[in-house]
């Protein structure tokens, strides 16, 4: 199948409201780009929304719901209460909200991968072979936004729980000490 997206999608675990023909459905975002989104409707009993139908999506940028963007879209895919949306032209405040969401998510992704690179270096230095590393995204609410990095070395596993601010600080300062210390501890636990 040929890739037709105009911009790269970013994984985004946010929430919003999808409105279609006078009904409003709470939804959880799976990914987003400057041109569209994939959303899962919480109400699985919603009948299929036909391809090409117009709808609107409200996304909240912050936990208290003060900043949000409204996006007019058309449905390009709908299966099992999951809708693929293509945005019509995005302008003004909504465009600012969308760009801010994408920038923050890319920042988190880049920071997490920088931390994973450090973990691999630390493990290699200690003679440990990491067989896998998972980055499990945390909660949407900022005060509870704890992300988990899971390190696997054969049958052994070790976790590190980091707040988004820790990841951002690590990324900004090219290796902030608190996050580095937690990574070293996690890798040491793999020695067992």
C-alpha atoms as a PDB file:
ATOM      1  CA  UNK A   1       0.000   0.000   0.000  1.00  0.00           C
ATOM      2  CA  UNK A   2       1.408   3.378  -1.008  1.00  0.00           C
ATOM      3  CA  UNK A   3       2.085   5.886   1.788  1.00  0.00           C
ATOM      4  CA  UNK A   4      -0.023   8.998   1.135  1.00  0.00           C
ATOM      5  CA  UNK A   5       0.619  11.003   4.306  1.00  0.00           C
ATOM      6  CA  UNK A   6       1.939  14.523   3.806  1.00  0.00           C
ATOM      7  CA  UNK A   7       3.721  14.674   7.174  1.00  0.00           C
ATOM      8  CA  UNK A   8       5.202  12.223   9.648  1.00  0.00           C
ATOM      9  CA  UNK A   9       2.908  11.069  12.431  1.00  0.00           C
ATOM     10  CA  UNK A  10       3.998  11.309  16.056  1.00  0.00           C
ATOM     11  CA  UNK A  11       2.732   8.818  18.631  1.00  0.00           C
ATOM     12  CA  UNK A  12       0.603  10.835  21.010  1.00  0.00           C
ATOM     13  CA  UNK A  13      -1.399   9.511  23.940  1.00  0.00           C
ATOM     14  CA  UNK A  14      -3.766  12.426  24.355  1.00  0.00           C
ATOM     15  CA  UNK A  15      -7.506  12.735  24.762  1.00  0.00           C
ATOM     16  CA  UNK A  16     -10.125  14.761  22.976  1.00  0.00           C
ATOM     17  CA  UNK A  17     -13.680  14.937  21.671  1.00  0.00           C
ATOM     18  CA  UNK A  18     -14.800  13.883  18.224  1.00  0.00           C
ATOM     19  CA  UNK A  19     -18.047  15.489  17.021  1.00  0.00           C
ATOM     20  CA  UNK A  20     -20.051  14.086  14.135  1.00  0.00           C
ATOM     21  CA  UNK A  21     -23.602  14.957  13.054  1.00  0.00           C
ATOM     22  CA  UNK A  22     -24.627  16.404  16.420  1.00  0.00           C
ATOM     23  CA  UNK A  23     -23.087  13.601  18.526  1.00  0.00           C
ATOM     24  CA  UNK A  24     -19.949  14.001  20.593  1.00  0.00           C
ATOM     25  CA  UNK A  25     -17.612  11.114  21.499  1.00  0.00           C
ATOM     26  CA  UNK A  26     -14.740  11.032  23.978  1.00  0.00           C
ATOM     27  CA  UNK A  27     -11.636   9.688  22.242  1.00  0.00           C
ATOM     28  CA  UNK A  28      -8.035   8.770  22.875  1.00  0.00           C
ATOM     29  CA  UNK A  29      -5.459   9.817  20.321  1.00  0.00           C
ATOM     30  CA  UNK A  30      -3.000   7.262  19.052  1.00  0.00           C
ATOM     31  CA  UNK A  31      -0.989   9.470  16.741  1.00  0.00           C
ATOM     32  CA  UNK A  32      -1.055  12.928  15.227  1.00  0.00           C
ATOM     33  CA  UNK A  33       0.586  15.004  12.489  1.00  0.00           C
ATOM     34  CA  UNK A  34       0.166  18.460  11.022  1.00  0.00           C
ATOM     35  CA  UNK A  35      -2.371  16.978   8.603  1.00  0.00           C
ATOM     36  CA  UNK A  36      -4.312  14.340  10.511  1.00  0.00           C
ATOM     37  CA  UNK A  37      -4.766  12.019  13.458  1.00  0.00           C
ATOM     38  CA  UNK A  38      -5.794   8.511  14.450  1.00  0.00           C
ATOM     39  CA  UNK A  39      -8.284   8.365  17.308  1.00  0.00           C
ATOM     40  CA  UNK A  40      -9.934   5.540  19.188  1.00  0.00           C
ATOM     41  CA  UNK A  41     -13.471   6.230  20.407  1.00  0.00           C
ATOM     42  CA  UNK A  42     -14.126   5.217  24.018  1.00  0.00           C
ATOM     43  CA  UNK A  43     -17.666   4.163  23.075  1.00  0.00           C
ATOM     44  CA  UNK A  44     -17.036   1.035  20.992  1.00  0.00           C
ATOM     45  CA  UNK A  45     -20.732   0.833  20.085  1.00  0.00           C
ATOM     46  CA  UNK A  46     -20.470   3.859  17.777  1.00  0.00           C
ATOM     47  CA  UNK A  47     -21.518   2.763  14.305  1.00  0.00           C
ATOM     48  CA  UNK A  48     -19.093   3.229  11.456  1.00  0.00           C
ATOM     49  CA  UNK A  49     -18.632   6.799  10.292  1.00  0.00           C
ATOM     50  CA  UNK A  50     -18.509   6.677   6.488  1.00  0.00           C
ATOM     51  CA  UNK A  51     -15.360   7.654   4.668  1.00  0.00           C
ATOM     52  CA  UNK A  52     -15.450  11.271   3.506  1.00  0.00           C
ATOM     53  CA  UNK A  53     -17.816  12.416   6.282  1.00  0.00           C
ATOM     54  CA  UNK A  54     -16.955  15.729   7.935  1.00  0.00           C
ATOM     55  CA  UNK A  55     -16.372  15.886  11.668  1.00  0.00           C
ATOM     56  CA  UNK A  56     -14.490  17.997  14.188  1.00  0.00           C
ATOM     57  CA  UNK A  57     -11.898  17.126  16.787  1.00  0.00           C
ATOM     58  CA  UNK A  58     -11.130  19.105  19.945  1.00  0.00           C
ATOM     59  CA  UNK A  59      -7.690  18.467  21.443  1.00  0.00           C
ATOM     60  CA  UNK A  60      -6.535  19.748  24.807  1.00  0.00           C
ATOM     61  CA  UNK A  61      -2.977  20.966  25.102  1.00  0.00           C
ATOM     62  CA  UNK A  62      -2.948  21.111  28.897  1.00  0.00           C
ATOM     63  CA  UNK A  63      -4.412  19.035  31.720  1.00  0.00           C
ATOM     64  CA  UNK A  64      -6.792  21.734  32.985  1.00  0.00           C
ATOM     65  CA  UNK A  65      -8.443  22.142  29.577  1.00  0.00           C
ATOM     66  CA  UNK A  66      -7.673  25.841  29.268  1.00  0.00           C
ATOM     67  CA  UNK A  67      -5.766  25.544  26.002  1.00  0.00           C
ATOM     68  CA  UNK A  68      -7.227  23.550  23.168  1.00  0.00           C
ATOM     69  CA  UNK A  69      -7.483  23.404  19.423  1.00  0.00           C
ATOM     70  CA  UNK A  70     -10.503  22.674  17.270  1.00  0.00           C
ATOM     71  CA  UNK A  71      -9.856  20.879  14.007  1.00  0.00           C
ATOM     72  CA  UNK A  72     -12.275  20.325  11.174  1.00  0.00           C
ATOM     73  CA  UNK A  73     -11.539  17.015   9.487  1.00  0.00           C
ATOM     74  CA  UNK A  74     -12.842  14.319   7.226  1.00  0.00           C
ATOM     75  CA  UNK A  75     -12.882  10.623   8.009  1.00  0.00           C
ATOM     76  CA  UNK A  76     -10.491   8.717   5.754  1.00  0.00           C
ATOM     77  CA  UNK A  77     -10.779   5.384   7.584  1.00  0.00           C
ATOM     78  CA  UNK A  78     -13.043   3.905  10.255  1.00  0.00           C
ATOM     79  CA  UNK A  79     -12.649   0.400  11.690  1.00  0.00           C
ATOM     80  CA  UNK A  80     -13.611  -1.006  15.088  1.00  0.00           C
ATOM     81  CA  UNK A  81     -14.264   2.413  16.676  1.00  0.00           C
ATOM     82  CA  UNK A  82     -10.911   3.760  15.438  1.00  0.00           C
ATOM     83  CA  UNK A  83     -11.016   6.710  13.048  1.00  0.00           C
ATOM     84  CA  UNK A  84      -8.329   7.969  10.721  1.00  0.00           C
ATOM     85  CA  UNK A  85      -8.834  11.691  10.206  1.00  0.00           C
ATOM     86  CA  UNK A  86      -7.433  14.141   7.698  1.00  0.00           C
ATOM     87  CA  UNK A  87      -7.555  17.752   8.835  1.00  0.00           C
ATOM     88  CA  UNK A  88      -8.882  20.499   6.620  1.00  0.00           C
ATOM     89  CA  UNK A  89      -6.774  23.662   6.689  1.00  0.00           C
ATOM     90  CA  UNK A  90      -5.468  24.316  10.213  1.00  0.00           C
ATOM     91  CA  UNK A  91      -5.044  27.971  11.139  1.00  0.00           C
ATOM     92  CA  UNK A  92      -4.601  30.396  14.019  1.00  0.00           C
ATOM     93  CA  UNK A  93      -4.648  29.213  17.611  1.00  0.00           C
ATOM     94  CA  UNK A  94      -5.475  25.635  16.602  1.00  0.00           C
ATOM     95  CA  UNK A  95      -2.364  25.504  14.437  1.00  0.00           C
ATOM     96  CA  UNK A  96      -0.283  26.808  17.357  1.00  0.00           C
ATOM     97  CA  UNK A  97      -1.744  24.120  19.652  1.00  0.00           C
ATOM     98  CA  UNK A  98      -1.072  21.393  17.096  1.00  0.00           C
ATOM     99  CA  UNK A  99       2.509  22.509  16.478  1.00  0.00           C
ATOM    100  CA  UNK A 100       3.138  22.731  20.242  1.00  0.00           C
ATOM    101  CA  UNK A 101       1.797  19.200  20.828  1.00  0.00           C
ATOM    102  CA  UNK A 102       3.969  17.796  18.040  1.00  0.00           C
ATOM    103  CA  UNK A 103       7.065  19.688  19.227  1.00  0.00           C
ATOM    104  CA  UNK A 104       6.655  18.462  22.822  1.00  0.00           C
ATOM    105  CA  UNK A 105       6.092  14.871  21.749  1.00  0.00           C
ATOM    106  CA  UNK A 106       9.123  14.932  19.481  1.00  0.00           C
ATOM    107  CA  UNK A 107      11.151  16.399  22.344  1.00  0.00           C
ATOM    108  CA  UNK A 108      10.056  13.566  24.652  1.00  0.00           C
ATOM    109  CA  UNK A 109      10.814  10.942  22.007  1.00  0.00           C
ATOM    110  CA  UNK A 110      14.272  12.396  21.290  1.00  0.00           C
ATOM    111  CA  UNK A 111      15.079  12.680  25.011  1.00  0.00           C
ATOM    112  CA  UNK A 112      14.011   9.093  25.688  1.00  0.00           C
ATOM    113  CA  UNK A 113      16.200   7.813  22.874  1.00  0.00           C
ATOM    114  CA  UNK A 114      19.147   9.777  24.182  1.00  0.00           C
ATOM    115  CA  UNK A 115      18.611   8.123  27.577  1.00  0.00           C
ATOM    116  CA  UNK A 116      18.367   4.690  25.921  1.00  0.00           C
ATOM    117  CA  UNK A 117      21.680   5.351  24.172  1.00  0.00           C
ATOM    118  CA  UNK A 118      23.258   6.171  27.553  1.00  0.00           C
ATOM    119  CA  UNK A 119      21.821   2.951  29.046  1.00  0.00           C
ATOM    120  CA  UNK A 120      23.322   0.893  26.239  1.00  0.00           C
ATOM    121  CA  UNK A 121      26.730   2.532  26.788  1.00  0.00           C
ATOM    122  CA  UNK A 122      26.583   1.968  30.567  1.00  0.00           C
ATOM    123  CA  UNK A 123      25.539  -1.666  30.092  1.00  0.00           C
ATOM    124  CA  UNK A 124      28.295  -2.286  27.550  1.00  0.00           C
ATOM    125  CA  UNK A 125      30.873  -0.712  29.886  1.00  0.00           C
ATOM    126  CA  UNK A 126      29.714  -3.059  32.674  1.00  0.00           C
ATOM    127  CA  UNK A 127      29.811  -6.105  30.375  1.00  0.00           C
ATOM    128  CA  UNK A 128      26.032  -6.487  30.195  1.00  0.00           C
ATOM    129  CA  UNK A 129      24.320  -7.182  26.891  1.00  0.00           C
ATOM    130  CA  UNK A 130      20.925  -5.510  26.677  1.00  0.00           C
ATOM    131  CA  UNK A 131      18.659  -7.707  24.602  1.00  0.00           C
ATOM    132  CA  UNK A 132      15.902  -5.106  24.440  1.00  0.00           C
ATOM    133  CA  UNK A 133      14.763  -1.732  25.759  1.00  0.00           C
ATOM    134  CA  UNK A 134      11.144  -0.534  25.898  1.00  0.00           C
ATOM    135  CA  UNK A 135       9.971   3.029  26.390  1.00  0.00           C
ATOM    136  CA  UNK A 136       6.469   2.893  27.887  1.00  0.00           C
ATOM    137  CA  UNK A 137       4.665   6.212  27.663  1.00  0.00           C
ATOM    138  CA  UNK A 138       3.108   7.526  30.855  1.00  0.00           C
ATOM    139  CA  UNK A 139      -0.113   9.234  31.786  1.00  0.00           C
ATOM    140  CA  UNK A 140      -1.357  12.321  29.969  1.00  0.00           C
ATOM    141  CA  UNK A 141      -1.853  14.413  33.114  1.00  0.00           C
ATOM    142  CA  UNK A 142       1.412  16.348  33.634  1.00  0.00           C
ATOM    143  CA  UNK A 143       1.644  15.901  37.390  1.00  0.00           C
ATOM    144  CA  UNK A 144       1.410  12.119  36.869  1.00  0.00           C
ATOM    145  CA  UNK A 145       3.327  11.947  33.609  1.00  0.00           C
ATOM    146  CA  UNK A 146       5.762   9.233  34.571  1.00  0.00           C
ATOM    147  CA  UNK A 147       7.395   7.281  31.770  1.00  0.00           C
ATOM    148  CA  UNK A 148       9.014   3.882  32.187  1.00  0.00           C
ATOM    149  CA  UNK A 149      12.118   2.552  30.515  1.00  0.00           C
ATOM    150  CA  UNK A 150      12.382  -1.242  30.759  1.00  0.00           C
ATOM    151  CA  UNK A 151      15.759  -2.846  30.225  1.00  0.00           C
ATOM    152  CA  UNK A 152      16.080  -6.514  29.329  1.00  0.00           C
ATOM    153  CA  UNK A 153      19.262  -8.574  29.627  1.00  0.00           C
ATOM    154  CA  UNK A 154      18.349 -12.183  28.927  1.00  0.00           C
ATOM    155  CA  UNK A 155      15.911 -13.247  31.661  1.00  0.00           C
ATOM    156  CA  UNK A 156      16.637 -10.229  33.850  1.00  0.00           C
ATOM    157  CA  UNK A 157      14.730  -6.946  33.677  1.00  0.00           C
ATOM    158  CA  UNK A 158      15.122  -3.589  35.362  1.00  0.00           C
ATOM    159  CA  UNK A 159      12.937  -0.480  35.221  1.00  0.00           C
ATOM    160  CA  UNK A 160      13.516   3.240  35.476  1.00  0.00           C
ATOM    161  CA  UNK A 161      10.596   5.601  36.077  1.00  0.00           C
ATOM    162  CA  UNK A 162      11.199   9.165  34.909  1.00  0.00           C
ATOM    163  CA  UNK A 163       8.968  12.207  34.822  1.00  0.00           C
ATOM    164  CA  UNK A 164       8.748  14.109  31.524  1.00  0.00           C
ATOM    165  CA  UNK A 165      10.714  16.975  33.133  1.00  0.00           C
ATOM    166  CA  UNK A 166      13.571  14.567  33.929  1.00  0.00           C
ATOM    167  CA  UNK A 167      13.679  13.445  30.310  1.00  0.00           C
ATOM    168  CA  UNK A 168      13.539  17.016  29.020  1.00  0.00           C
ATOM    169  CA  UNK A 169      16.270  18.125  31.430  1.00  0.00           C
ATOM    170  CA  UNK A 170      18.424  15.191  30.359  1.00  0.00           C
ATOM    171  CA  UNK A 171      17.930  16.144  26.717  1.00  0.00           C
ATOM    172  CA  UNK A 172      18.526  19.888  27.319  1.00  0.00           C
ATOM    173  CA  UNK A 173      21.652  19.496  29.413  1.00  0.00           C
ATOM    174  CA  UNK A 174      23.077  16.604  27.415  1.00  0.00           C
ATOM    175  CA  UNK A 175      22.969  14.202  30.342  1.00  0.00           C
ATOM    176  CA  UNK A 176      21.418  15.669  33.507  1.00  0.00           C
ATOM    177  CA  UNK A 177      22.712  14.011  36.668  1.00  0.00           C
ATOM    178  CA  UNK A 178      19.458  12.738  38.318  1.00  0.00           C
ATOM    179  CA  UNK A 179      18.352  10.811  35.222  1.00  0.00           C
ATOM    180  CA  UNK A 180      21.901   9.521  34.639  1.00  0.00           C
ATOM    181  CA  UNK A 181      22.090   8.262  38.222  1.00  0.00           C
ATOM    182  CA  UNK A 182      18.798   6.355  37.812  1.00  0.00           C
ATOM    183  CA  UNK A 183      20.033   4.750  34.600  1.00  0.00           C
ATOM    184  CA  UNK A 184      23.244   3.604  36.312  1.00  0.00           C
ATOM    185  CA  UNK A 185      21.217   2.096  39.191  1.00  0.00           C
ATOM    186  CA  UNK A 186      18.885   0.281  36.775  1.00  0.00           C
ATOM    187  CA  UNK A 187      21.792  -1.215  34.822  1.00  0.00           C
ATOM    188  CA  UNK A 188      23.536  -2.238  38.084  1.00  0.00           C
ATOM    189  CA  UNK A 189      20.374  -4.140  39.084  1.00  0.00           C
ATOM    190  CA  UNK A 190      20.796  -6.254  35.946  1.00  0.00           C
ATOM    191  CA  UNK A 191      24.100  -7.577  37.297  1.00  0.00           C
ATOM    192  CA  UNK A 192      22.191  -9.272  40.118  1.00  0.00           C
END
